[in-house]
PDB file of N, CA and C in Angstrom:
ATOM      1  N   UNK A   1     -14.324  -1.430  -6.814  1.00  0.00           N
ATOM      2  CA  UNK A   1     -14.382  -1.564  -8.063  1.00  0.00           C
ATOM      3  C   UNK A   1     -14.515  -2.893  -8.384  1.00  0.00           C
ATOM      4  N   UNK A   2     -14.819  -3.045  -9.332  1.00  0.00           N
ATOM      5  CA  UNK A   2     -15.426  -5.015  -9.804  1.00  0.00           C
ATOM      6  C   UNK A   2     -14.794  -5.155 -10.731  1.00  0.00           C
ATOM      7  N   UNK A   3     -14.458  -6.115 -10.318  1.00  0.00           N
ATOM      8  CA  UNK A   3     -13.336  -6.929 -11.706  1.00  0.00           C
ATOM      9  C   UNK A   3     -14.675  -7.821 -12.618  1.00  0.00           C
ATOM     10  N   UNK A   4     -14.129  -7.918 -14.207  1.00  0.00           N
ATOM     11  CA  UNK A   4     -15.107  -8.745 -14.971  1.00  0.00           C
ATOM     12  C   UNK A   4     -14.714  -9.780 -14.616  1.00  0.00           C
ATOM     13  N   UNK A   5     -15.989 -10.921 -14.657  1.00  0.00           N
ATOM     14  CA  UNK A   5     -15.731 -12.396 -14.492  1.00  0.00           C
ATOM     15  C   UNK A   5     -15.733 -13.152 -15.807  1.00  0.00           C
ATOM     16  N   UNK A   6     -16.545 -12.532 -16.942  1.00  0.00           N
ATOM     17  CA  UNK A   6     -16.806 -13.529 -17.859  1.00  0.00           C
ATOM     18  C   UNK A   6     -16.224 -12.976 -19.125  1.00  0.00           C
ATOM     19  N   UNK A   7     -15.601 -13.325 -20.514  1.00  0.00           N
ATOM     20  CA  UNK A   7     -14.656 -13.168 -21.100  1.00  0.00           C
ATOM     21  C   UNK A   7     -15.435 -11.418 -22.330  1.00  0.00           C
ATOM     22  N   UNK A   8     -17.151 -12.084 -22.337  1.00  0.00           N
ATOM     23  CA  UNK A   8     -18.209 -10.692 -22.671  1.00  0.00           C
ATOM     24  C   UNK A   8     -17.831  -9.537 -22.207  1.00  0.00           C
ATOM     25  N   UNK A   9     -17.790  -9.614 -20.973  1.00  0.00           N
ATOM     26  CA  UNK A   9     -17.570  -8.748 -19.661  1.00  0.00           C
ATOM     27  C   UNK A   9     -16.119  -7.971 -20.161  1.00  0.00           C
ATOM     28  N   UNK A  10     -14.684  -8.580 -20.898  1.00  0.00           N
ATOM     29  CA  UNK A  10     -14.356  -7.919 -20.662  1.00  0.00           C
ATOM     30  C   UNK A  10     -13.456  -7.460 -21.912  1.00  0.00           C
ATOM     31  N   UNK A  11     -14.851  -7.993 -22.760  1.00  0.00           N
ATOM     32  CA  UNK A  11     -14.016  -6.912 -24.193  1.00  0.00           C
ATOM     33  C   UNK A  11     -15.269  -6.140 -24.317  1.00  0.00           C
ATOM     34  N   UNK A  12     -16.255  -6.106 -23.548  1.00  0.00           N
ATOM     35  CA  UNK A  12     -17.022  -4.716 -23.230  1.00  0.00           C
ATOM     36  C   UNK A  12     -16.726  -3.761 -22.651  1.00  0.00           C
ATOM     37  N   UNK A  13     -14.734  -3.613 -22.523  1.00  0.00           N
ATOM     38  CA  UNK A  13     -14.832  -2.577 -21.808  1.00  0.00           C
ATOM     39  C   UNK A  13     -13.926  -1.689 -22.698  1.00  0.00           C
ATOM     40  N   UNK A  14     -13.976  -0.257 -22.899  1.00  0.00           N
ATOM     41  CA  UNK A  14     -13.314   0.319 -23.896  1.00  0.00           C
ATOM     42  C   UNK A  14     -12.116   1.265 -23.057  1.00  0.00           C
ATOM     43  N   UNK A  15     -12.390   1.369 -22.054  1.00  0.00           N
ATOM     44  CA  UNK A  15     -12.120   2.685 -21.132  1.00  0.00           C
ATOM     45  C   UNK A  15     -10.309   1.456 -20.080  1.00  0.00           C
ATOM     46  N   UNK A  16      -9.124   2.085 -19.717  1.00  0.00           N
ATOM     47  CA  UNK A  16      -8.225   1.546 -19.516  1.00  0.00           C
ATOM     48  C   UNK A  16      -8.473   1.437 -18.096  1.00  0.00           C
ATOM     49  N   UNK A  17      -8.043   0.366 -17.323  1.00  0.00           N
ATOM     50  CA  UNK A  17      -8.400   0.005 -15.961  1.00  0.00           C
ATOM     51  C   UNK A  17      -7.492   1.106 -14.293  1.00  0.00           C
ATOM     52  N   UNK A  18      -6.881   1.614 -15.528  1.00  0.00           N
ATOM     53  CA  UNK A  18      -6.140   2.302 -14.371  1.00  0.00           C
ATOM     54  C   UNK A  18      -5.814   3.672 -15.395  1.00  0.00           C
ATOM     55  N   UNK A  19      -6.059   5.050 -14.990  1.00  0.00           N
ATOM     56  CA  UNK A  19      -6.338   6.733 -15.523  1.00  0.00           C
ATOM     57  C   UNK A  19      -4.904   6.982 -15.405  1.00  0.00           C
ATOM     58  N   UNK A  20      -4.162   8.044 -16.419  1.00  0.00           N
ATOM     59  CA  UNK A  20      -3.478   8.344 -16.045  1.00  0.00           C
ATOM     60  C   UNK A  20      -3.208   9.250 -14.724  1.00  0.00           C
ATOM     61  N   UNK A  21      -1.959   9.523 -14.618  1.00  0.00           N
ATOM     62  CA  UNK A  21      -2.281  10.440 -13.084  1.00  0.00           C
ATOM     63  C   UNK A  21      -2.332  12.038 -13.334  1.00  0.00           C
ATOM     64  N   UNK A  22      -1.839  12.656 -14.523  1.00  0.00           N
ATOM     65  CA  UNK A  22      -1.596  13.944 -15.493  1.00  0.00           C
ATOM     66  C   UNK A  22      -2.847  14.540 -15.949  1.00  0.00           C
ATOM     67  N   UNK A  23      -3.359  13.672 -16.444  1.00  0.00           N
ATOM     68  CA  UNK A  23      -4.528  14.230 -17.361  1.00  0.00           C
ATOM     69  C   UNK A  23      -5.763  14.413 -17.008  1.00  0.00           C
ATOM     70  N   UNK A  24      -6.715  15.343 -17.182  1.00  0.00           N
ATOM     71  CA  UNK A  24      -8.148  15.515 -16.703  1.00  0.00           C
ATOM     72  C   UNK A  24      -8.847  16.035 -18.058  1.00  0.00           C
ATOM     73  N   UNK A  25      -9.687  15.902 -17.750  1.00  0.00           N
ATOM     74  CA  UNK A  25     -10.768  16.153 -18.322  1.00  0.00           C
ATOM     75  C   UNK A  25     -11.047  17.715 -18.321  1.00  0.00           C
ATOM     76  N   UNK A  26     -10.928  18.890 -19.433  1.00  0.00           N
ATOM     77  CA  UNK A  26     -11.033  20.303 -19.198  1.00  0.00           C
ATOM     78  C   UNK A  26     -12.159  20.844 -19.093  1.00  0.00           C
ATOM     79  N   UNK A  27     -12.555  21.468 -17.731  1.00  0.00           N
ATOM     80  CA  UNK A  27     -13.750  22.131 -17.312  1.00  0.00           C
ATOM     81  C   UNK A  27     -14.032  21.423 -15.983  1.00  0.00           C
ATOM     82  N   UNK A  28     -13.553  20.146 -15.611  1.00  0.00           N
ATOM     83  CA  UNK A  28     -14.210  18.812 -14.736  1.00  0.00           C
ATOM     84  C   UNK A  28     -13.267  18.765 -13.622  1.00  0.00           C
ATOM     85  N   UNK A  29     -13.716  19.448 -12.667  1.00  0.00           N
ATOM     86  CA  UNK A  29     -13.429  18.731 -11.390  1.00  0.00           C
ATOM     87  C   UNK A  29     -12.700  17.068 -11.143  1.00  0.00           C
ATOM     88  N   UNK A  30     -11.734  17.330 -10.467  1.00  0.00           N
ATOM     89  CA  UNK A  30     -10.927  15.709 -10.352  1.00  0.00           C
ATOM     90  C   UNK A  30     -11.864  15.383  -8.829  1.00  0.00           C
ATOM     91  N   UNK A  31     -12.297  14.067  -9.301  1.00  0.00           N
ATOM     92  CA  UNK A  31     -13.679  13.150  -8.248  1.00  0.00           C
ATOM     93  C   UNK A  31     -12.613  12.942  -7.473  1.00  0.00           C
ATOM     94  N   UNK A  32     -12.203  12.718  -7.310  1.00  0.00           N
ATOM     95  CA  UNK A  32     -11.686  11.817  -5.539  1.00  0.00           C
ATOM     96  C   UNK A  32     -10.375  12.201  -5.850  1.00  0.00           C
ATOM     97  N   UNK A  33      -9.094  13.025  -4.779  1.00  0.00           N
ATOM     98  CA  UNK A  33      -7.907  13.125  -5.164  1.00  0.00           C
ATOM     99  C   UNK A  33      -7.266  11.367  -5.377  1.00  0.00           C
ATOM    100  N   UNK A  34      -6.160  10.710  -5.910  1.00  0.00           N
ATOM    101  CA  UNK A  34      -5.444  10.089  -5.919  1.00  0.00           C
ATOM    102  C   UNK A  34      -4.725   9.380  -4.323  1.00  0.00           C
ATOM    103  N   UNK A  35      -4.942   8.226  -4.438  1.00  0.00           N
ATOM    104  CA  UNK A  35      -4.247   7.822  -2.507  1.00  0.00           C
ATOM    105  C   UNK A  35      -2.939   7.185  -3.418  1.00  0.00           C
ATOM    106  N   UNK A  36      -2.645   8.024  -1.846  1.00  0.00           N
ATOM    107  CA  UNK A  36      -1.245   8.184  -1.561  1.00  0.00           C
ATOM    108  C   UNK A  36      -0.469   6.227  -1.735  1.00  0.00           C
ATOM    109  N   UNK A  37       0.532   6.167  -2.770  1.00  0.00           N
ATOM    110  CA  UNK A  37       0.844   4.147  -2.660  1.00  0.00           C
ATOM    111  C   UNK A  37       1.474   3.665  -1.199  1.00  0.00           C
ATOM    112  N   UNK A  38       1.442   4.407  -0.204  1.00  0.00           N
ATOM    113  CA  UNK A  38       1.458   3.378   1.043  1.00  0.00           C
ATOM    114  C   UNK A  38       0.162   3.261   1.493  1.00  0.00           C
ATOM    115  N   UNK A  39      -0.638   4.227   1.754  1.00  0.00           N
ATOM    116  CA  UNK A  39      -2.241   4.238   1.647  1.00  0.00           C
ATOM    117  C   UNK A  39      -2.786   2.615   1.198  1.00  0.00           C
ATOM    118  N   UNK A  40      -2.368   2.600  -0.632  1.00  0.00           N
ATOM    119  CA  UNK A  40      -2.603   2.235  -1.472  1.00  0.00           C
ATOM    120  C   UNK A  40      -2.308   0.550  -1.283  1.00  0.00           C
ATOM    121  N   UNK A  41      -0.975   0.156  -0.879  1.00  0.00           N
ATOM    122  CA  UNK A  41      -0.290  -0.809  -0.011  1.00  0.00           C
ATOM    123  C   UNK A  41      -0.769  -1.305   0.940  1.00  0.00           C
ATOM    124  N   UNK A  42      -1.037  -0.595   1.964  1.00  0.00           N
ATOM    125  CA  UNK A  42      -1.582  -0.720   3.258  1.00  0.00           C
ATOM    126  C   UNK A  42      -2.628  -1.622   3.085  1.00  0.00           C
ATOM    127  N   UNK A  43      -4.223  -0.982   2.114  1.00  0.00           N
ATOM    128  CA  UNK A  43      -4.911  -1.637   2.199  1.00  0.00           C
ATOM    129  C   UNK A  43      -5.073  -2.576   1.574  1.00  0.00           C
ATOM    130  N   UNK A  44      -3.700  -2.520   0.919  1.00  0.00           N
ATOM    131  CA  UNK A  44      -3.750  -4.343   0.065  1.00  0.00           C
ATOM    132  C   UNK A  44      -3.249  -5.407   0.778  1.00  0.00           C
ATOM    133  N   UNK A  45      -2.440  -4.611   1.805  1.00  0.00           N
ATOM    134  CA  UNK A  45      -2.050  -5.941   2.663  1.00  0.00           C
ATOM    135  C   UNK A  45      -3.287  -6.293   3.657  1.00  0.00           C
ATOM    136  N   UNK A  46      -4.564  -5.515   4.243  1.00  0.00           N
ATOM    137  CA  UNK A  46      -5.579  -5.818   4.745  1.00  0.00           C
ATOM    138  C   UNK A  46      -6.472  -6.856   3.961  1.00  0.00           C
ATOM    139  N   UNK A  47      -6.496  -6.309   2.965  1.00  0.00           N
ATOM    140  CA  UNK A  47      -7.131  -7.089   2.148  1.00  0.00           C
ATOM    141  C   UNK A  47      -6.976  -8.358   1.944  1.00  0.00           C
ATOM    142  N   UNK A  48      -5.393  -8.560   1.628  1.00  0.00           N
ATOM    143  CA  UNK A  48      -4.699  -9.918   1.312  1.00  0.00           C
ATOM    144  C   UNK A  48      -3.645 -10.445   2.748  1.00  0.00           C
ATOM    145  N   UNK A  49      -4.824 -10.415   3.550  1.00  0.00           N
ATOM    146  CA  UNK A  49      -3.847 -10.568   5.258  1.00  0.00           C
ATOM    147  C   UNK A  49      -3.475 -11.701   5.243  1.00  0.00           C
ATOM    148  N   UNK A  50      -3.653 -13.125   4.307  1.00  0.00           N
ATOM    149  CA  UNK A  50      -2.591 -14.517   4.448  1.00  0.00           C
ATOM    150  C   UNK A  50      -2.191 -14.076   3.767  1.00  0.00           C
ATOM    151  N   UNK A  51      -1.716 -13.863   2.707  1.00  0.00           N
ATOM    152  CA  UNK A  51      -0.501 -14.152   2.016  1.00  0.00           C
ATOM    153  C   UNK A  51       0.369 -13.037   2.343  1.00  0.00           C
ATOM    154  N   UNK A  52      -0.146 -11.943   2.920  1.00  0.00           N
ATOM    155  CA  UNK A  52       1.210 -10.698   3.515  1.00  0.00           C
ATOM    156  C   UNK A  52       2.211 -11.551   4.977  1.00  0.00           C
ATOM    157  N   UNK A  53       1.299 -12.451   5.572  1.00  0.00           N
ATOM    158  CA  UNK A  53       1.899 -12.964   6.602  1.00  0.00           C
ATOM    159  C   UNK A  53       2.283 -13.983   6.313  1.00  0.00           C
ATOM    160  N   UNK A  54       2.075 -15.085   5.291  1.00  0.00           N
ATOM    161  CA  UNK A  54       2.540 -16.258   4.290  1.00  0.00           C
ATOM    162  C   UNK A  54       4.327 -15.864   3.542  1.00  0.00           C
ATOM    163  N   UNK A  55       4.104 -14.647   3.647  1.00  0.00           N
ATOM    164  CA  UNK A  55       5.368 -13.963   2.804  1.00  0.00           C
ATOM    165  C   UNK A  55       6.696 -13.736   3.733  1.00  0.00           C
ATOM    166  N   UNK A  56       5.846 -12.517   4.799  1.00  0.00           N
ATOM    167  CA  UNK A  56       6.399 -12.724   6.042  1.00  0.00           C
ATOM    168  C   UNK A  56       7.139 -13.852   6.543  1.00  0.00           C
ATOM    169  N   UNK A  57       6.474 -14.756   6.512  1.00  0.00           N
ATOM    170  CA  UNK A  57       6.634 -15.951   7.425  1.00  0.00           C
ATOM    171  C   UNK A  57       8.235 -16.822   6.692  1.00  0.00           C
ATOM    172  N   UNK A  58       7.736 -16.393   5.518  1.00  0.00           N
ATOM    173  CA  UNK A  58       9.017 -17.457   4.487  1.00  0.00           C
ATOM    174  C   UNK A  58      10.233 -16.649   4.274  1.00  0.00           C
ATOM    175  N   UNK A  59      10.419 -15.442   4.344  1.00  0.00           N
ATOM    176  CA  UNK A  59      11.155 -14.587   4.682  1.00  0.00           C
ATOM    177  C   UNK A  59      12.066 -14.788   5.687  1.00  0.00           C
ATOM    178  N   UNK A  60      11.063 -14.788   6.803  1.00  0.00           N
ATOM    179  CA  UNK A  60      12.057 -14.626   8.143  1.00  0.00           C
ATOM    180  C   UNK A  60      12.664 -16.203   8.768  1.00  0.00           C
ATOM    181  N   UNK A  61      12.181 -17.119   7.382  1.00  0.00           N
ATOM    182  CA  UNK A  61      12.497 -18.332   8.181  1.00  0.00           C
ATOM    183  C   UNK A  61      14.005 -18.071   6.920  1.00  0.00           C
ATOM    184  N   UNK A  62      13.877 -17.686   5.907  1.00  0.00           N
ATOM    185  CA  UNK A  62      14.649 -18.067   4.713  1.00  0.00           C
ATOM    186  C   UNK A  62      15.811 -17.130   5.620  1.00  0.00           C
ATOM    187  N   UNK A  63      15.863 -16.029   5.810  1.00  0.00           N
ATOM    188  CA  UNK A  63      16.886 -15.362   6.693  1.00  0.00           C
ATOM    189  C   UNK A  63      17.693 -16.158   7.549  1.00  0.00           C
ATOM    190  N   UNK A  64      16.660 -16.398   8.516  1.00  0.00           N
ATOM    191  CA  UNK A  64      17.193 -17.523   9.604  1.00  0.00           C
ATOM    192  C   UNK A  64      17.784 -18.820   9.194  1.00  0.00           C
ATOM    193  N   UNK A  65      17.101 -18.719   8.245  1.00  0.00           N
ATOM    194  CA  UNK A  65      18.205 -20.574   7.477  1.00  0.00           C
ATOM    195  C   UNK A  65      19.372 -19.906   6.946  1.00  0.00           C
ATOM    196  N   UNK A  66      19.455 -18.955   5.954  1.00  0.00           N
ATOM    197  CA  UNK A  66      20.635 -18.275   5.575  1.00  0.00           C
ATOM    198  C   UNK A  66      22.039 -17.933   6.605  1.00  0.00           C
ATOM    199  N   UNK A  67      21.261 -17.504   7.588  1.00  0.00           N
ATOM    200  CA  UNK A  67      22.538 -16.830   8.955  1.00  0.00           C
ATOM    201  C   UNK A  67      23.089 -18.155   9.292  1.00  0.00           C
ATOM    202  N   UNK A  68      22.391 -19.446   9.461  1.00  0.00           N
ATOM    203  CA  UNK A  68      22.802 -20.277  10.244  1.00  0.00           C
ATOM    204  C   UNK A  68      23.204 -20.990   9.465  1.00  0.00           C
ATOM    205  N   UNK A  69      23.408 -20.922   8.497  1.00  0.00           N
ATOM    206  CA  UNK A  69      23.856 -22.291   7.495  1.00  0.00           C
ATOM    207  C   UNK A  69      25.219 -21.554   7.038  1.00  0.00           C
ATOM    208  N   UNK A  70      25.287 -20.088   7.341  1.00  0.00           N
ATOM    209  CA  UNK A  70      26.736 -19.511   6.943  1.00  0.00           C
ATOM    210  C   UNK A  70      27.278 -19.631   8.240  1.00  0.00           C
ATOM    211  N   UNK A  71      27.012 -19.393   9.093  1.00  0.00           N
ATOM    212  CA  UNK A  71      27.524 -19.362  10.889  1.00  0.00           C
ATOM    213  C   UNK A  71      28.101 -21.276  10.986  1.00  0.00           C
ATOM    214  N   UNK A  72      27.200 -22.303  10.379  1.00  0.00           N
ATOM    215  CA  UNK A  72      27.817 -23.128  10.156  1.00  0.00           C
ATOM    216  C   UNK A  72      29.010 -23.188   9.440  1.00  0.00           C
ATOM    217  N   UNK A  73      28.879 -22.972   7.834  1.00  0.00           N
ATOM    218  CA  UNK A  73      29.717 -22.832   7.501  1.00  0.00           C
ATOM    219  C   UNK A  73      31.379 -22.286   7.636  1.00  0.00           C
ATOM    220  N   UNK A  74      30.881 -21.147   8.493  1.00  0.00           N
ATOM    221  CA  UNK A  74      32.319 -20.676   8.775  1.00  0.00           C
ATOM    222  C   UNK A  74      32.642 -20.644  10.516  1.00  0.00           C
ATOM    223  N   UNK A  75      32.517 -21.651  11.255  1.00  0.00           N
ATOM    224  CA  UNK A  75      32.867 -21.830  12.018  1.00  0.00           C
ATOM    225  C   UNK A  75      34.008 -22.442  12.722  1.00  0.00           C
TER     226      UNK A  75
END
């Protein structure tokens, strides 16, 4: 799936980027089954590996900081 890069390509698009899940043309077989949410999420994580790792480490550091801060305040 390619994304348009110029405004003229954006205005030439007449169809929505995401198709409804339940509608299909009568007499036309579905082209491919819909991927599951987990499969799409895993594909996105692999594609954006640096962002996922950054968010993981920021979350880990934040939780550790919160726990150390609470331990210090409640000692």
